[in-house]
Amino acid sequence: MRICIERMTACMVKIENDRSIYGGNLVHTFNIDKDTKHYKVQLNRDLIKLFNENDWTAINWEQRKQLKNKPLSLKLHEYYSSHEYPKPVSFDFIYNVTASTNKDKYGFKRQVKAALNELVKINFLESYEVKEDKITVKRIIKSPVKRH
């Protein structure tokens, strides 16, 4: 991990959007605590300015840490984090979005429901409902979100 961060700090990136082209470092600074192995990475602020609020997704890091070792919950958290007001989706859609390899249709549905329960438990989702083959979720929207 350290070597990757060092490369991102040393190398230039070029990013183009509708308004401009950015050239510079991706990572401005980093700090690694040798005892705790915690990393603190600061992105280049000029790069961040390229994106307005609708161009990127905020991920709640504290919630993600609570989902450690729960891969399907993590994938659903990632997907629903990018949808403030998610539309109902099918289990087939979730199967594809999460790149699941579970071939048991009913087993997958049980896994999804368990993963959604985890998202309710960590206060990411207010609720969810499964009707026929559609999953409808209601997110808890908190402002401001600490962005990572």
Protein backbone atom coordinates (compact mmCIF):
# COMPACT_ATOMS: atom_id res chain seq x y z
CA MET A 1 0.00 0.00 0.00
CA ARG A 2 2.78 2.43 0.93
CA ILE A 3 4.51 1.95 -2.41
CA CYS A 4 1.26 2.70 -4.29
CA ILE A 5 0.73 5.91 -2.31
CA GLU A 6 4.33 6.95 -2.93
CA ARG A 7 3.84 6.43 -6.69
CA MET A 8 0.60 8.44 -6.66
CA THR A 9 2.43 11.26 -4.88
CA ALA A 10 5.41 11.24 -7.26
CA CYS A 11 3.60 10.85 -10.58
CA MET A 12 1.54 13.31 -12.57
CA VAL A 13 -2.05 12.59 -13.54
CA LYS A 14 -4.04 14.27 -16.28
CA ILE A 15 -7.79 14.52 -15.88
CA GLU A 16 -10.12 16.23 -18.30
CA ASN A 17 -13.74 17.22 -17.75
CA ASP A 18 -16.18 19.46 -19.62
CA ARG A 19 -14.70 22.63 -18.13
CA SER A 20 -10.95 22.08 -17.94
CA ILE A 21 -7.90 19.85 -17.99
CA TYR A 22 -5.98 19.21 -14.77
CA GLY A 23 -2.35 18.13 -14.72
CA GLY A 24 -0.55 17.50 -11.46
CA ASN A 25 -0.20 15.17 -8.52
CA LEU A 26 -3.15 13.12 -7.36
CA VAL A 27 -1.89 12.88 -3.78
CA HIS A 28 -0.66 16.09 -2.14
CA THR A 29 0.73 14.53 1.05
CA PHE A 30 0.55 11.32 3.03
CA ASN A 31 1.39 10.27 6.56
CA ILE A 32 1.78 6.72 7.83
CA ASP A 33 1.80 5.93 11.54
CA LYS A 34 4.31 3.08 11.85
CA ASP A 35 2.82 1.87 15.14
CA THR A 36 -0.87 1.80 14.22
CA LYS A 37 -0.35 1.36 10.45
CA HIS A 38 -2.96 4.09 9.86
CA TYR A 39 -2.66 6.05 6.63
CA LYS A 40 -3.66 9.66 6.18
CA VAL A 41 -3.77 10.78 2.55
CA GLN A 42 -4.51 14.32 1.41
CA LEU A 43 -5.62 14.72 -2.19
CA ASN A 44 -4.48 17.69 -4.20
CA ARG A 45 -7.09 20.44 -3.62
CA ASP A 46 -6.74 21.71 -7.20
CA LEU A 47 -7.84 18.30 -8.41
CA ILE A 48 -10.83 18.24 -6.06
CA LYS A 49 -12.00 21.63 -7.41
CA LEU A 50 -12.58 20.02 -10.82
CA PHE A 51 -15.55 18.13 -9.49
CA ASN A 52 -18.77 19.68 -8.32
CA GLU A 53 -21.07 17.96 -5.85
CA ASN A 54 -22.81 15.93 -8.58
CA ASP A 55 -19.61 14.54 -10.10
CA TRP A 56 -18.57 12.23 -7.28
CA THR A 57 -19.95 10.03 -4.53
CA ALA A 58 -19.38 10.50 -0.83
CA ILE A 59 -18.68 7.28 1.03
CA ASN A 60 -19.17 7.25 4.79
CA TRP A 61 -15.94 5.69 6.03
CA GLU A 62 -17.23 5.00 9.56
CA GLN A 63 -20.10 2.98 8.11
CA ARG A 64 -17.74 1.05 5.84
CA LYS A 65 -15.57 0.08 8.79
CA GLN A 66 -18.67 -1.40 10.47
CA LEU A 67 -19.21 -3.61 7.41
CA LYS A 68 -15.75 -5.16 7.55
CA ASN A 69 -15.75 -8.79 6.36
CA LYS A 70 -19.26 -8.39 4.88
CA PRO A 71 -18.52 -8.14 1.15
CA LEU A 72 -22.11 -8.05 -0.12
CA SER A 73 -23.04 -5.36 2.42
CA LEU A 74 -19.98 -3.35 1.32
CA LYS A 75 -20.95 -3.62 -2.34
CA LEU A 76 -24.55 -2.59 -1.64
CA HIS A 77 -23.30 0.30 0.52
CA GLU A 78 -21.10 1.44 -2.36
CA TYR A 79 -23.93 1.18 -4.89
CA TYR A 80 -26.55 2.92 -2.78
CA SER A 81 -24.10 5.63 -1.67
CA SER A 82 -24.18 6.92 -5.23
CA HIS A 83 -28.00 7.14 -5.22
CA GLU A 84 -29.55 9.66 -2.84
CA TYR A 85 -33.06 8.55 -3.80
CA PRO A 86 -32.62 5.06 -5.26
CA LYS A 87 -35.19 3.64 -7.63
CA PRO A 88 -36.48 0.09 -7.11
CA VAL A 89 -34.20 -2.51 -8.65
CA SER A 90 -34.47 -6.24 -9.28
CA PHE A 91 -32.46 -9.00 -7.65
CA ASP A 92 -30.97 -9.69 -11.09
CA PHE A 93 -29.75 -6.09 -11.25
CA ILE A 94 -28.19 -6.38 -7.76
CA TYR A 95 -26.65 -9.72 -8.79
CA ASN A 96 -24.91 -7.99 -11.70
CA VAL A 97 -23.94 -4.81 -9.80
CA THR A 98 -22.34 -6.79 -7.00
CA ALA A 99 -20.68 -9.30 -9.36
CA SER A 100 -22.05 -12.13 -7.25
CA THR A 101 -21.02 -15.69 -8.03
CA ASN A 102 -23.82 -17.29 -5.99
CA LYS A 103 -25.69 -19.56 -8.43
CA ASP A 104 -28.48 -20.32 -5.93
CA LYS A 105 -31.22 -17.77 -6.67
CA TYR A 106 -32.94 -18.16 -3.30
CA GLY A 107 -29.65 -18.23 -1.43
CA PHE A 108 -28.67 -14.97 -3.14
CA LYS A 109 -31.98 -13.36 -2.16
CA ARG A 110 -31.39 -14.37 1.47
CA GLN A 111 -27.88 -12.91 1.30
CA VAL A 112 -29.16 -9.63 -0.12
CA LYS A 113 -31.81 -9.33 2.60
CA ALA A 114 -29.18 -10.04 5.27
CA ALA A 115 -26.87 -7.43 3.70
CA LEU A 116 -29.69 -4.87 3.60
CA ASN A 117 -30.41 -5.59 7.27
CA GLU A 118 -26.77 -4.73 7.98
CA LEU A 119 -27.22 -1.41 6.16
CA VAL A 120 -30.26 -0.66 8.32
CA LYS A 121 -28.32 -1.64 11.45
CA ILE A 122 -25.51 0.85 10.72
CA ASN A 123 -28.06 3.63 10.03
CA PHE A 124 -27.29 3.89 6.33
CA LEU A 125 -30.75 2.76 5.26
CA GLU A 126 -33.94 3.78 7.01
CA SER A 127 -35.75 0.78 5.56
CA TYR A 128 -36.08 -1.55 2.62
CA GLU A 129 -38.92 -3.49 1.09
CA VAL A 130 -38.97 -6.51 -1.18
CA LYS A 131 -42.08 -6.84 -3.34
CA GLU A 132 -42.15 -9.54 -5.97
CA ASP A 133 -38.66 -9.25 -7.49
CA LYS A 134 -38.10 -5.56 -6.71
CA ILE A 135 -36.03 -4.11 -3.89
CA THR A 136 -36.95 -0.62 -2.73
CA VAL A 137 -34.72 1.15 -0.21
CA LYS A 138 -35.05 4.40 1.69
CA ARG A 139 -31.74 6.02 2.58
CA ILE A 140 -30.96 8.07 5.64
CA ILE A 141 -29.52 11.31 4.30
CA LYS A 142 -27.27 13.17 6.71
CA SER A 143 -25.58 16.49 5.99
CA PRO A 144 -22.83 17.31 5.90
CA VAL A 145 -21.06 14.04 5.12
CA LYS A 146 -17.36 13.70 5.87
CA ARG A 147 -15.98 13.00 2.42
CA HIS A 148 -13.18 10.52 1.71
